[in-house]
Amino acid sequence: MTALIYCPFPDRETAERIGAQLLDERLIGCINIGGPIRSLFVWDGERGEGEEVPALLKTDAAKLRQAIDRIEHLHPYDTPAIVGWPCEASAGTSAWLGQLHGGKSGVAS
């Protein structure tokens, strides 16, 4: 089964660096990095706001917990917002991400 992970990063460079690390470690098959977004939030009882860069990471459900834990370890925020969930995918996508366990794929994201 396929899984997705959503995580905002402080900037594009951080998202690219962490995404590349997870790709090298075969914890994800792809990271889609979006443009800047405006974030409004409550942290430590105070309201805040800022600009962040969202990312959607694609993985195999069997690697979901490990990928989330690794993002949390590499992320520069003290407590990053990382949300992951198993999901249905096309047969081709499922086969591609299932190959994170070993082997190579010619399928692009």
N, C-alpha and C. Protein backbone atom coordinates (compact mmCIF):
# COMPACT_ATOMS: atom_id res chain seq x y z
N MET A 1 0.85 -1.18 0.00
CA MET A 1 0.00 0.00 0.00
C MET A 1 0.89 1.24 0.00
N THR A 2 0.40 2.28 -0.60
CA THR A 2 1.10 3.55 -0.71
C THR A 2 0.81 4.42 0.50
N ALA A 3 1.67 5.38 0.77
CA ALA A 3 1.45 6.34 1.85
C ALA A 3 1.95 7.71 1.41
N LEU A 4 1.35 8.74 1.99
CA LEU A 4 1.75 10.12 1.75
C LEU A 4 2.14 10.76 3.08
N ILE A 5 3.04 11.72 3.00
CA ILE A 5 3.46 12.49 4.17
C ILE A 5 3.40 13.96 3.78
N TYR A 6 2.75 14.76 4.60
CA TYR A 6 2.73 16.21 4.41
C TYR A 6 3.58 16.84 5.50
N CYS A 7 4.43 17.78 5.10
CA CYS A 7 5.26 18.48 6.08
C CYS A 7 5.65 19.85 5.55
N PRO A 8 5.43 20.91 6.32
CA PRO A 8 5.94 22.22 5.93
C PRO A 8 7.39 22.40 6.41
N PHE A 9 8.18 23.09 5.62
CA PHE A 9 9.57 23.37 5.94
C PHE A 9 9.79 24.88 5.98
N PRO A 10 10.85 25.35 6.64
CA PRO A 10 11.08 26.79 6.73
C PRO A 10 11.45 27.43 5.39
N ASP A 11 12.02 26.64 4.46
CA ASP A 11 12.41 27.18 3.15
C ASP A 11 12.63 26.04 2.17
N ARG A 12 12.77 26.40 0.90
CA ARG A 12 12.94 25.42 -0.17
C ARG A 12 14.22 24.60 0.00
N GLU A 13 15.29 25.26 0.39
CA GLU A 13 16.58 24.58 0.53
C GLU A 13 16.50 23.46 1.57
N THR A 14 15.84 23.73 2.68
CA THR A 14 15.69 22.71 3.73
C THR A 14 14.86 21.54 3.22
N ALA A 15 13.76 21.82 2.54
CA ALA A 15 12.92 20.77 1.97
C ALA A 15 13.72 19.92 0.99
N GLU A 16 14.50 20.56 0.13
CA GLU A 16 15.30 19.84 -0.86
C GLU A 16 16.37 18.98 -0.18
N ARG A 17 17.03 19.52 0.83
CA ARG A 17 18.09 18.80 1.53
C ARG A 17 17.54 17.56 2.23
N ILE A 18 16.44 17.74 2.97
CA ILE A 18 15.85 16.61 3.70
C ILE A 18 15.24 15.61 2.72
N GLY A 19 14.59 16.11 1.68
CA GLY A 19 14.04 15.21 0.67
C GLY A 19 15.13 14.37 0.00
N ALA A 20 16.24 15.00 -0.35
CA ALA A 20 17.36 14.27 -0.97
C ALA A 20 17.90 13.20 -0.02
N GLN A 21 17.99 13.53 1.26
CA GLN A 21 18.48 12.57 2.25
C GLN A 21 17.55 11.35 2.32
N LEU A 22 16.24 11.59 2.36
CA LEU A 22 15.28 10.48 2.42
C LEU A 22 15.27 9.66 1.13
N LEU A 23 15.48 10.32 0.00
CA LEU A 23 15.60 9.58 -1.26
C LEU A 23 16.83 8.68 -1.23
N ASP A 24 17.95 9.23 -0.78
CA ASP A 24 19.20 8.45 -0.70
C ASP A 24 19.05 7.27 0.26
N GLU A 25 18.28 7.44 1.31
CA GLU A 25 18.07 6.38 2.30
C GLU A 25 16.93 5.43 1.89
N ARG A 26 16.33 5.68 0.73
CA ARG A 26 15.24 4.87 0.17
C ARG A 26 14.03 4.81 1.11
N LEU A 27 13.79 5.91 1.81
CA LEU A 27 12.61 6.00 2.68
C LEU A 27 11.42 6.60 1.94
N ILE A 28 11.69 7.32 0.85
CA ILE A 28 10.64 7.89 0.01
C ILE A 28 11.01 7.64 -1.45
N GLY A 29 10.00 7.74 -2.31
CA GLY A 29 10.24 7.63 -3.73
C GLY A 29 10.21 8.97 -4.43
N CYS A 30 9.65 9.99 -3.75
CA CYS A 30 9.48 11.30 -4.36
C CYS A 30 9.14 12.33 -3.30
N ILE A 31 9.56 13.56 -3.53
CA ILE A 31 9.11 14.69 -2.72
C ILE A 31 8.66 15.78 -3.69
N ASN A 32 7.44 16.25 -3.53
CA ASN A 32 6.92 17.38 -4.29
C ASN A 32 7.00 18.60 -3.38
N ILE A 33 7.77 19.61 -3.81
CA ILE A 33 7.99 20.80 -3.00
C ILE A 33 7.19 21.94 -3.61
N GLY A 34 6.30 22.51 -2.82
CA GLY A 34 5.44 23.58 -3.30
C GLY A 34 6.07 24.96 -3.16
N GLY A 35 5.31 25.95 -3.56
CA GLY A 35 5.73 27.33 -3.39
C GLY A 35 5.42 27.81 -1.98
N PRO A 36 5.93 28.96 -1.64
CA PRO A 36 5.71 29.48 -0.28
C PRO A 36 4.21 29.59 0.05
N ILE A 37 3.90 29.28 1.30
CA ILE A 37 2.54 29.43 1.81
C ILE A 37 2.58 30.28 3.07
N ARG A 38 1.50 30.93 3.37
CA ARG A 38 1.37 31.72 4.59
C ARG A 38 0.78 30.84 5.66
N SER A 39 1.43 30.77 6.81
CA SER A 39 0.95 29.95 7.92
C SER A 39 0.54 30.82 9.10
N LEU A 40 -0.65 30.58 9.61
CA LEU A 40 -1.12 31.19 10.85
C LEU A 40 -1.26 30.06 11.85
N PHE A 41 -0.77 30.23 13.06
CA PHE A 41 -0.75 29.13 14.01
C PHE A 41 -0.76 29.63 15.45
N VAL A 42 -0.99 28.68 16.36
CA VAL A 42 -0.87 28.93 17.79
C VAL A 42 0.25 28.01 18.27
N TRP A 43 1.24 28.58 18.94
CA TRP A 43 2.37 27.81 19.45
C TRP A 43 2.72 28.32 20.84
N ASP A 44 2.83 27.42 21.79
CA ASP A 44 3.10 27.79 23.19
C ASP A 44 2.11 28.82 23.70
N GLY A 45 0.84 28.67 23.29
CA GLY A 45 -0.22 29.56 23.76
C GLY A 45 -0.26 30.93 23.10
N GLU A 46 0.62 31.16 22.14
CA GLU A 46 0.64 32.46 21.46
C GLU A 46 0.38 32.29 19.98
N ARG A 47 -0.28 33.27 19.42
CA ARG A 47 -0.58 33.26 17.99
C ARG A 47 0.64 33.73 17.22
N GLY A 48 0.91 33.06 16.11
CA GLY A 48 2.04 33.43 15.27
C GLY A 48 1.68 33.31 13.81
N GLU A 49 2.59 33.75 12.97
CA GLU A 49 2.41 33.64 11.53
C GLU A 49 3.77 33.64 10.88
N GLY A 50 3.82 33.10 9.67
CA GLY A 50 5.08 33.06 8.96
C GLY A 50 4.90 32.45 7.58
N GLU A 51 5.99 32.38 6.86
CA GLU A 51 5.99 31.78 5.54
C GLU A 51 6.72 30.44 5.62
N GLU A 52 6.15 29.43 4.98
CA GLU A 52 6.74 28.10 4.96
C GLU A 52 6.65 27.54 3.55
N VAL A 53 7.33 26.43 3.33
CA VAL A 53 7.30 25.73 2.05
C VAL A 53 6.73 24.34 2.29
N PRO A 54 5.57 24.03 1.70
CA PRO A 54 4.95 22.73 1.92
C PRO A 54 5.59 21.65 1.05
N ALA A 55 5.57 20.43 1.56
CA ALA A 55 6.06 19.30 0.77
C ALA A 55 5.15 18.10 0.97
N LEU A 56 4.96 17.36 -0.11
CA LEU A 56 4.22 16.11 -0.08
C LEU A 56 5.21 15.02 -0.49
N LEU A 57 5.40 14.06 0.39
CA LEU A 57 6.36 12.99 0.16
C LEU A 57 5.61 11.69 -0.09
N LYS A 58 6.06 10.92 -1.09
CA LYS A 58 5.41 9.66 -1.46
C LYS A 58 6.29 8.51 -1.01
N THR A 59 5.67 7.51 -0.37
CA THR A 59 6.41 6.36 0.12
C THR A 59 5.54 5.12 0.11
N ASP A 60 6.12 4.01 0.48
CA ASP A 60 5.38 2.77 0.67
C ASP A 60 4.90 2.75 2.12
N ALA A 61 3.70 2.26 2.36
CA ALA A 61 3.13 2.27 3.72
C ALA A 61 4.03 1.55 4.72
N ALA A 62 4.77 0.56 4.27
CA ALA A 62 5.67 -0.16 5.17
C ALA A 62 6.83 0.71 5.66
N LYS A 63 7.10 1.81 4.95
CA LYS A 63 8.19 2.72 5.33
C LYS A 63 7.67 4.00 5.99
N LEU A 64 6.36 4.12 6.15
CA LEU A 64 5.76 5.36 6.63
C LEU A 64 6.31 5.79 7.99
N ARG A 65 6.26 4.93 8.99
CA ARG A 65 6.71 5.31 10.34
C ARG A 65 8.19 5.68 10.34
N GLN A 66 9.00 4.92 9.64
CA GLN A 66 10.43 5.19 9.58
C GLN A 66 10.70 6.53 8.89
N ALA A 67 9.98 6.82 7.82
CA ALA A 67 10.16 8.09 7.11
C ALA A 67 9.75 9.27 7.98
N ILE A 68 8.63 9.15 8.69
CA ILE A 68 8.18 10.22 9.58
C ILE A 68 9.21 10.46 10.68
N ASP A 69 9.70 9.39 11.28
CA ASP A 69 10.71 9.53 12.34
C ASP A 69 11.97 10.20 11.82
N ARG A 70 12.37 9.86 10.61
CA ARG A 70 13.60 10.44 10.03
C ARG A 70 13.41 11.92 9.72
N ILE A 71 12.26 12.28 9.18
CA ILE A 71 11.97 13.70 8.92
C ILE A 71 12.02 14.48 10.23
N GLU A 72 11.39 13.93 11.25
CA GLU A 72 11.38 14.61 12.56
C GLU A 72 12.80 14.82 13.07
N HIS A 73 13.66 13.83 12.88
CA HIS A 73 15.05 13.94 13.33
C HIS A 73 15.84 15.00 12.53
N LEU A 74 15.60 15.08 11.22
CA LEU A 74 16.36 15.98 10.36
C LEU A 74 15.80 17.40 10.32
N HIS A 75 14.53 17.57 10.64
CA HIS A 75 13.84 18.87 10.51
C HIS A 75 14.40 19.88 11.51
N PRO A 76 14.58 21.13 11.08
CA PRO A 76 15.13 22.14 11.99
C PRO A 76 14.17 22.66 13.07
N TYR A 77 12.86 22.47 12.90
CA TYR A 77 11.93 22.91 13.93
C TYR A 77 12.03 21.98 15.14
N ASP A 78 11.80 22.52 16.34
CA ASP A 78 11.79 21.70 17.55
C ASP A 78 10.70 20.64 17.49
N THR A 79 9.52 21.03 17.02
CA THR A 79 8.39 20.12 16.90
C THR A 79 7.72 20.34 15.54
N PRO A 80 8.27 19.73 14.49
CA PRO A 80 7.68 19.95 13.17
C PRO A 80 6.32 19.27 13.03
N ALA A 81 5.47 19.86 12.21
CA ALA A 81 4.16 19.27 11.90
C ALA A 81 4.37 18.28 10.76
N ILE A 82 4.29 17.00 11.08
CA ILE A 82 4.47 15.93 10.09
C ILE A 82 3.24 15.04 10.17
N VAL A 83 2.53 14.92 9.06
CA VAL A 83 1.31 14.12 9.03
C VAL A 83 1.45 13.08 7.92
N GLY A 84 1.29 11.81 8.25
CA GLY A 84 1.39 10.76 7.25
C GLY A 84 0.19 9.83 7.33
N TRP A 85 -0.16 9.26 6.18
CA TRP A 85 -1.30 8.36 6.14
C TRP A 85 -1.19 7.38 4.96
N PRO A 86 -1.61 6.13 5.18
CA PRO A 86 -1.70 5.18 4.07
C PRO A 86 -2.83 5.61 3.14
N CYS A 87 -2.68 5.31 1.86
CA CYS A 87 -3.72 5.68 0.90
C CYS A 87 -3.72 4.74 -0.29
N GLU A 88 -4.80 4.75 -1.01
CA GLU A 88 -4.92 3.96 -2.23
C GLU A 88 -4.16 4.68 -3.34
N ALA A 89 -3.63 3.90 -4.27
CA ALA A 89 -2.90 4.48 -5.41
C ALA A 89 -3.11 3.60 -6.63
N SER A 90 -2.74 4.12 -7.77
CA SER A 90 -2.81 3.32 -9.00
C SER A 90 -1.85 2.14 -8.87
N ALA A 91 -2.08 1.13 -9.67
CA ALA A 91 -1.22 -0.06 -9.64
C ALA A 91 0.23 0.30 -9.93
N GLY A 92 0.45 1.19 -10.90
CA GLY A 92 1.80 1.59 -11.25
C GLY A 92 2.50 2.33 -10.12
N THR A 93 1.78 3.22 -9.47
CA THR A 93 2.36 3.97 -8.35
C THR A 93 2.68 3.03 -7.19
N SER A 94 1.77 2.13 -6.89
CA SER A 94 1.99 1.17 -5.81
C SER A 94 3.20 0.30 -6.09
N ALA A 95 3.35 -0.16 -7.34
CA ALA A 95 4.49 -0.99 -7.71
C ALA A 95 5.79 -0.21 -7.60
N TRP A 96 5.77 1.03 -8.07
CA TRP A 96 6.96 1.89 -8.00
C TRP A 96 7.41 2.10 -6.56
N LEU A 97 6.49 2.51 -5.70
CA LEU A 97 6.86 2.79 -4.30
C LEU A 97 7.15 1.51 -3.54
N GLY A 98 6.56 0.39 -3.95
CA GLY A 98 6.87 -0.88 -3.34
C GLY A 98 8.31 -1.30 -3.58
N GLN A 99 8.92 -0.75 -4.62
CA GLN A 99 10.32 -1.06 -4.94
C GLN A 99 11.30 -0.34 -4.03
N LEU A 100 10.83 0.47 -3.09
CA LEU A 100 11.73 1.10 -2.13
C LEU A 100 12.41 0.04 -1.27
N HIS A 101 11.82 -1.14 -1.23
CA HIS A 101 12.40 -2.24 -0.44
C HIS A 101 13.61 -2.84 -1.13
N GLY A 102 13.80 -2.51 -2.41
CA GLY A 102 14.93 -3.04 -3.17
C GLY A 102 14.63 -2.99 -4.65
N GLY A 103 15.64 -2.95 -5.46
CA GLY A 103 15.47 -2.92 -6.90
C GLY A 103 15.36 -1.51 -7.41
N LYS A 104 15.17 -1.39 -8.73
CA LYS A 104 15.12 -0.08 -9.38
C LYS A 104 13.83 0.03 -10.18
N SER A 105 13.40 1.26 -10.40
CA SER A 105 12.19 1.49 -11.15
C SER A 105 12.44 2.57 -12.19
N GLY A 106 11.82 2.41 -13.33
CA GLY A 106 11.94 3.44 -14.35
C GLY A 106 10.74 4.37 -14.35
N VAL A 107 9.85 4.22 -13.38
CA VAL A 107 8.63 5.03 -13.31
C VAL A 107 8.96 6.38 -12.71
N ALA A 108 8.49 7.45 -13.32
CA ALA A 108 8.71 8.81 -12.79
C ALA A 108 7.50 9.24 -12.00
N SER A 109 7.68 10.25 -11.17
CA SER A 109 6.57 10.75 -10.36
C SER A 109 5.87 11.90 -11.04
